[in-house]
Structure formats: structure tokens, C-alpha cells
């Protein structure tokens, strides 16, 4: 597994509450939700090299 870089991210209270709710709805931590959002957007923008990151997990369980 690739080593993860840590950094501080400041967001306003309303944004954090929205992220927290979204993360809970997807059964993720807030940190996991932010990673998923960033990964998805980087892939869609073509900013990640192939194989640089796995396809983002949808967070939803298969039925």
C-alpha cells in the first residue's frame, strides 16, 4: 500500500457538517469521504497517472 501524506485541511463548519452527513450516509469516515471525493475528481479530470490510485470505492454494499 502506498504511504499516505498527512496535512491540515481547514473547512468552515457548514461544509464539515455536510461532509460528515455524506460520509455517514456512505458508511465512511469524514477522512475517507474526502479521500474518495478527491480521488474521483482527480480521475475524472485526468490528473492521476494510470495505476496511481485505485478506482474509488462507491462505499455501497453489493446486494
PDB file of N, CA and C in Angstrom:
ATOM      1  N   UNK A   1       0.846  -1.179   0.000  1.00  0.00           N
ATOM      2  CA  UNK A   1       0.000   0.000   0.000  1.00  0.00           C
ATOM      3  C   UNK A   1       0.889   1.239   0.000  1.00  0.00           C
ATOM      4  N   UNK A   2       0.499   2.236  -0.734  1.00  0.00           N
ATOM      5  CA  UNK A   2       1.267   3.474  -0.817  1.00  0.00           C
ATOM      6  C   UNK A   2       1.208   4.210   0.520  1.00  0.00           C
ATOM      7  N   UNK A   3       2.299   4.859   0.842  1.00  0.00           N
ATOM      8  CA  UNK A   3       2.350   5.651   2.062  1.00  0.00           C
ATOM      9  C   UNK A   3       1.454   6.877   1.899  1.00  0.00           C
ATOM     10  N   UNK A   4       0.772   7.246   2.965  1.00  0.00           N
ATOM     11  CA  UNK A   4      -0.124   8.391   2.908  1.00  0.00           C
ATOM     12  C   UNK A   4       0.547   9.615   3.509  1.00  0.00           C
ATOM     13  N   UNK A   5       0.291  10.741   2.914  1.00  0.00           N
ATOM     14  CA  UNK A   5       0.798  12.044   3.368  1.00  0.00           C
ATOM     15  C   UNK A   5      -0.266  12.682   4.256  1.00  0.00           C
ATOM     16  N   UNK A   6       0.134  13.224   5.369  1.00  0.00           N
ATOM     17  CA  UNK A   6      -0.820  13.919   6.241  1.00  0.00           C
ATOM     18  C   UNK A   6      -0.666  15.424   6.080  1.00  0.00           C
ATOM     19  N   UNK A   7      -1.773  16.129   6.208  1.00  0.00           N
ATOM     20  CA  UNK A   7      -1.758  17.584   6.140  1.00  0.00           C
ATOM     21  C   UNK A   7      -3.018  18.123   6.804  1.00  0.00           C
ATOM     22  N   UNK A   8      -2.998  19.395   7.136  1.00  0.00           N
ATOM     23  CA  UNK A   8      -4.141  20.037   7.773  1.00  0.00           C
ATOM     24  C   UNK A   8      -5.041  20.620   6.693  1.00  0.00           C
ATOM     25  N   UNK A   9      -6.325  20.399   6.845  1.00  0.00           N
ATOM     26  CA  UNK A   9      -7.312  20.967   5.924  1.00  0.00           C
ATOM     27  C   UNK A   9      -8.321  21.755   6.756  1.00  0.00           C
ATOM     28  N   UNK A  10      -8.477  23.005   6.431  1.00  0.00           N
ATOM     29  CA  UNK A  10      -9.432  23.840   7.148  1.00  0.00           C
ATOM     30  C   UNK A  10     -10.667  24.049   6.281  1.00  0.00           C
ATOM     31  N   UNK A  11     -11.828  23.756   6.848  1.00  0.00           N
ATOM     32  CA  UNK A  11     -13.101  23.989   6.161  1.00  0.00           C
ATOM     33  C   UNK A  11     -14.047  24.651   7.153  1.00  0.00           C
ATOM     34  N   UNK A  12     -15.008  25.374   6.629  1.00  0.00           N
ATOM     35  CA  UNK A  12     -15.947  26.018   7.547  1.00  0.00           C
ATOM     36  C   UNK A  12     -16.894  24.973   8.142  1.00  0.00           C
ATOM     37  N   UNK A  13     -17.560  25.358   9.198  1.00  0.00           N
ATOM     38  CA  UNK A  13     -18.393  24.439   9.967  1.00  0.00           C
ATOM     39  C   UNK A  13     -19.515  23.820   9.125  1.00  0.00           C
ATOM     40  N   UNK A  14     -20.174  24.617   8.286  1.00  0.00           N
ATOM     41  CA  UNK A  14     -21.260  24.094   7.458  1.00  0.00           C
ATOM     42  C   UNK A  14     -20.759  23.043   6.465  1.00  0.00           C
ATOM     43  N   UNK A  15     -19.588  23.292   5.874  1.00  0.00           N
ATOM     44  CA  UNK A  15     -19.028  22.322   4.932  1.00  0.00           C
ATOM     45  C   UNK A  15     -18.684  21.027   5.666  1.00  0.00           C
ATOM     46  N   UNK A  16     -18.100  21.150   6.855  1.00  0.00           N
ATOM     47  CA  UNK A  16     -17.748  19.955   7.618  1.00  0.00           C
ATOM     48  C   UNK A  16     -18.993  19.144   7.975  1.00  0.00           C
ATOM     49  N   UNK A  17     -20.048  19.825   8.400  1.00  0.00           N
ATOM     50  CA  UNK A  17     -21.292  19.128   8.736  1.00  0.00           C
ATOM     51  C   UNK A  17     -21.856  18.398   7.525  1.00  0.00           C
ATOM     52  N   UNK A  18     -21.793  19.037   6.338  1.00  0.00           N
ATOM     53  CA  UNK A  18     -22.272  18.391   5.117  1.00  0.00           C
ATOM     54  C   UNK A  18     -21.413  17.178   4.778  1.00  0.00           C
ATOM     55  N   UNK A  19     -20.094  17.296   4.922  1.00  0.00           N
ATOM     56  CA  UNK A  19     -19.194  16.164   4.681  1.00  0.00           C
ATOM     57  C   UNK A  19     -19.458  15.036   5.676  1.00  0.00           C
ATOM     58  N   UNK A  20     -19.665  15.397   6.917  1.00  0.00           N
ATOM     59  CA  UNK A  20     -19.923  14.411   7.963  1.00  0.00           C
ATOM     60  C   UNK A  20     -21.203  13.621   7.672  1.00  0.00           C
ATOM     61  N   UNK A  21     -22.247  14.323   7.250  1.00  0.00           N
ATOM     62  CA  UNK A  21     -23.525  13.662   6.916  1.00  0.00           C
ATOM     63  C   UNK A  21     -23.353  12.753   5.713  1.00  0.00           C
ATOM     64  N   UNK A  22     -22.703  13.251   4.663  1.00  0.00           N
ATOM     65  CA  UNK A  22     -22.472  12.471   3.444  1.00  0.00           C
ATOM     66  C   UNK A  22     -21.648  11.224   3.767  1.00  0.00           C
ATOM     67  N   UNK A  23     -20.604  11.391   4.563  1.00  0.00           N
ATOM     68  CA  UNK A  23     -19.752  10.264   4.947  1.00  0.00           C
ATOM     69  C   UNK A  23     -20.563   9.213   5.706  1.00  0.00           C
ATOM     70  N   UNK A  24     -21.382   9.643   6.637  1.00  0.00           N
ATOM     71  CA  UNK A  24     -22.214   8.709   7.399  1.00  0.00           C
ATOM     72  C   UNK A  24     -23.182   7.966   6.476  1.00  0.00           C
ATOM     73  N   UNK A  25     -23.766   8.677   5.523  1.00  0.00           N
ATOM     74  CA  UNK A  25     -24.686   8.053   4.565  1.00  0.00           C
ATOM     75  C   UNK A  25     -23.988   6.986   3.726  1.00  0.00           C
ATOM     76  N   UNK A  26     -22.676   7.147   3.495  1.00  0.00           N
ATOM     77  CA  UNK A  26     -21.889   6.219   2.669  1.00  0.00           C
ATOM     78  C   UNK A  26     -21.084   5.236   3.517  1.00  0.00           C
ATOM     79  N   UNK A  27     -21.310   5.249   4.845  1.00  0.00           N
ATOM     80  CA  UNK A  27     -20.597   4.368   5.774  1.00  0.00           C
ATOM     81  C   UNK A  27     -19.081   4.560   5.708  1.00  0.00           C
ATOM     82  N   UNK A  28     -18.660   5.814   5.651  1.00  0.00           N
ATOM     83  CA  UNK A  28     -17.238   6.175   5.634  1.00  0.00           C
ATOM     84  C   UNK A  28     -16.959   7.163   6.748  1.00  0.00           C
ATOM     85  N   UNK A  29     -15.674   7.313   7.066  1.00  0.00           N
ATOM     86  CA  UNK A  29     -15.244   8.394   7.955  1.00  0.00           C
ATOM     87  C   UNK A  29     -15.212   9.676   7.119  1.00  0.00           C
ATOM     88  N   UNK A  30     -15.145  10.807   7.776  1.00  0.00           N
ATOM     89  CA  UNK A  30     -15.022  12.075   7.043  1.00  0.00           C
ATOM     90  C   UNK A  30     -13.731  12.061   6.231  1.00  0.00           C
ATOM     91  N   UNK A  31     -12.644  11.584   6.829  1.00  0.00           N
ATOM     92  CA  UNK A  31     -11.373  11.499   6.114  1.00  0.00           C
ATOM     93  C   UNK A  31     -11.505  10.601   4.876  1.00  0.00           C
ATOM     94  N   UNK A  32     -12.133   9.446   5.038  1.00  0.00           N
ATOM     95  CA  UNK A  32     -12.335   8.534   3.913  1.00  0.00           C
ATOM     96  C   UNK A  32     -13.190   9.160   2.820  1.00  0.00           C
ATOM     97  N   UNK A  33     -14.196   9.925   3.224  1.00  0.00           N
ATOM     98  CA  UNK A  33     -15.064  10.587   2.253  1.00  0.00           C
ATOM     99  C   UNK A  33     -14.295  11.630   1.455  1.00  0.00           C
ATOM    100  N   UNK A  34     -13.460  12.407   2.142  1.00  0.00           N
ATOM    101  CA  UNK A  34     -12.657  13.422   1.457  1.00  0.00           C
ATOM    102  C   UNK A  34     -11.695  12.757   0.486  1.00  0.00           C
ATOM    103  N   UNK A  35     -11.049  11.658   0.904  1.00  0.00           N
ATOM    104  CA  UNK A  35     -10.148  10.928   0.002  1.00  0.00           C
ATOM    105  C   UNK A  35     -10.898  10.422  -1.223  1.00  0.00           C
ATOM    106  N   UNK A  36     -12.098   9.889  -1.019  1.00  0.00           N
ATOM    107  CA  UNK A  36     -12.906   9.358  -2.121  1.00  0.00           C
ATOM    108  C   UNK A  36     -13.285  10.475  -3.096  1.00  0.00           C
ATOM    109  N   UNK A  37     -13.716  11.618  -2.560  1.00  0.00           N
ATOM    110  CA  UNK A  37     -14.094  12.757  -3.411  1.00  0.00           C
ATOM    111  C   UNK A  37     -12.894  13.232  -4.232  1.00  0.00           C
ATOM    112  N   UNK A  38     -11.758  13.409  -3.562  1.00  0.00           N
ATOM    113  CA  UNK A  38     -10.559  13.875  -4.264  1.00  0.00           C
ATOM    114  C   UNK A  38     -10.111  12.878  -5.332  1.00  0.00           C
ATOM    115  N   UNK A  39     -10.104  11.603  -4.992  1.00  0.00           N
ATOM    116  CA  UNK A  39      -9.692  10.577  -5.949  1.00  0.00           C
ATOM    117  C   UNK A  39     -10.599  10.571  -7.174  1.00  0.00           C
ATOM    118  N   UNK A  40     -11.903  10.617  -6.932  1.00  0.00           N
ATOM    119  CA  UNK A  40     -12.874  10.610  -8.039  1.00  0.00           C
ATOM    120  C   UNK A  40     -12.683  11.822  -8.946  1.00  0.00           C
ATOM    121  N   UNK A  41     -12.516  12.980  -8.358  1.00  0.00           N
ATOM    122  CA  UNK A  41     -12.369  14.198  -9.149  1.00  0.00           C
ATOM    123  C   UNK A  41     -11.041  14.228  -9.906  1.00  0.00           C
ATOM    124  N   UNK A  42      -9.972  13.762  -9.278  1.00  0.00           N
ATOM    125  CA  UNK A  42      -8.680  13.694  -9.969  1.00  0.00           C
ATOM    126  C   UNK A  42      -8.738  12.739 -11.152  1.00  0.00           C
ATOM    127  N   UNK A  43      -9.411  11.615 -10.996  1.00  0.00           N
ATOM    128  CA  UNK A  43      -9.546  10.671 -12.103  1.00  0.00           C
ATOM    129  C   UNK A  43     -10.378  11.278 -13.235  1.00  0.00           C
ATOM    130  N   UNK A  44     -11.501  11.885 -12.884  1.00  0.00           N
ATOM    131  CA  UNK A  44     -12.369  12.489 -13.903  1.00  0.00           C
ATOM    132  C   UNK A  44     -11.658  13.605 -14.658  1.00  0.00           C
ATOM    133  N   UNK A  45     -10.759  14.322 -13.984  1.00  0.00           N
ATOM    134  CA  UNK A  45     -10.025  15.420 -14.617  1.00  0.00           C
ATOM    135  C   UNK A  45      -8.788  14.930 -15.364  1.00  0.00           C
ATOM    136  N   UNK A  46      -8.518  13.617 -15.276  1.00  0.00           N
ATOM    137  CA  UNK A  46      -7.346  13.068 -15.953  1.00  0.00           C
ATOM    138  C   UNK A  46      -6.042  13.501 -15.304  1.00  0.00           C
ATOM    139  N   UNK A  47      -6.071  13.772 -14.010  1.00  0.00           N
ATOM    140  CA  UNK A  47      -4.891  14.273 -13.302  1.00  0.00           C
ATOM    141  C   UNK A  47      -4.066  13.174 -12.632  1.00  0.00           C
ATOM    142  N   UNK A  48      -4.592  11.937 -12.594  1.00  0.00           N
ATOM    143  CA  UNK A  48      -3.844  10.832 -11.994  1.00  0.00           C
ATOM    144  C   UNK A  48      -3.263   9.957 -13.086  1.00  0.00           C
ATOM    145  N   UNK A  49      -2.006   9.547 -12.902  1.00  0.00           N
ATOM    146  CA  UNK A  49      -1.401   8.615 -13.835  1.00  0.00           C
ATOM    147  C   UNK A  49      -2.094   7.264 -13.685  1.00  0.00           C
ATOM    148  N   UNK A  50      -2.148   6.499 -14.761  1.00  0.00           N
ATOM    149  CA  UNK A  50      -2.768   5.179 -14.694  1.00  0.00           C
ATOM    150  C   UNK A  50      -2.068   4.346 -13.646  1.00  0.00           C
ATOM    151  N   UNK A  51      -2.868   3.708 -12.802  1.00  0.00           N
ATOM    152  CA  UNK A  51      -2.323   2.884 -11.743  1.00  0.00           C
ATOM    153  C   UNK A  51      -1.870   3.654 -10.523  1.00  0.00           C
ATOM    154  N   UNK A  52      -1.954   4.978 -10.549  1.00  0.00           N
ATOM    155  CA  UNK A  52      -1.508   5.789  -9.408  1.00  0.00           C
ATOM    156  C   UNK A  52      -2.453   5.642  -8.227  1.00  0.00           C
ATOM    157  N   UNK A  53      -3.705   5.435  -8.496  1.00  0.00           N
ATOM    158  CA  UNK A  53      -4.685   5.238  -7.426  1.00  0.00           C
ATOM    159  C   UNK A  53      -5.732   4.269  -7.927  1.00  0.00           C
ATOM    160  N   UNK A  54      -6.199   3.441  -7.013  1.00  0.00           N
ATOM    161  CA  UNK A  54      -7.239   2.513  -7.416  1.00  0.00           C
ATOM    162  C   UNK A  54      -8.533   3.271  -7.675  1.00  0.00           C
ATOM    163  N   UNK A  55      -9.441   2.644  -8.412  1.00  0.00           N
ATOM    164  CA  UNK A  55     -10.733   3.245  -8.681  1.00  0.00           C
ATOM    165  C   UNK A  55     -11.425   3.506  -7.353  1.00  0.00           C
ATOM    166  N   UNK A  56     -11.992   4.684  -7.155  1.00  0.00           N
ATOM    167  CA  UNK A  56     -12.611   4.978  -5.868  1.00  0.00           C
ATOM    168  C   UNK A  56     -13.767   4.036  -5.575  1.00  0.00           C
ATOM    169  N   UNK A  57     -13.824   3.581  -4.336  1.00  0.00           N
ATOM    170  CA  UNK A  57     -14.894   2.720  -3.876  1.00  0.00           C
ATOM    171  C   UNK A  57     -16.167   3.553  -3.754  1.00  0.00           C
ATOM    172  N   UNK A  58     -17.294   2.991  -4.180  1.00  0.00           N
ATOM    173  CA  UNK A  58     -18.541   3.724  -4.088  1.00  0.00           C
ATOM    174  C   UNK A  58     -19.060   3.775  -2.662  1.00  0.00           C
ATOM    175  N   UNK A  59     -18.536   2.865  -1.807  1.00  0.00           N
ATOM    176  CA  UNK A  59     -18.983   2.843  -0.430  1.00  0.00           C
ATOM    177  C   UNK A  59     -20.275   2.103  -0.227  1.00  0.00           C
ATOM    178  N   UNK A  60     -20.876   1.675  -1.310  1.00  0.00           N
ATOM    179  CA  UNK A  60     -22.152   0.964  -1.231  1.00  0.00           C
ATOM    180  C   UNK A  60     -21.897  -0.530  -1.276  1.00  0.00           C
ATOM    181  N   UNK A  61     -22.657  -1.270  -0.499  1.00  0.00           N
ATOM    182  CA  UNK A  61     -22.531  -2.729  -0.438  1.00  0.00           C
ATOM    183  C   UNK A  61     -23.272  -3.353  -1.608  1.00  0.00           C
ATOM    184  N   UNK A  62     -22.679  -4.444  -2.165  1.00  0.00           N
ATOM    185  CA  UNK A  62     -23.363  -5.186  -3.224  1.00  0.00           C
ATOM    186  C   UNK A  62     -24.528  -5.951  -2.624  1.00  0.00           C
ATOM    187  N   UNK A  63     -25.623  -6.000  -3.356  1.00  0.00           N
ATOM    188  CA  UNK A  63     -26.809  -6.710  -2.858  1.00  0.00           C
ATOM    189  C   UNK A  63     -26.769  -8.148  -3.279  1.00  0.00           C
TER     190      UNK A  63
END
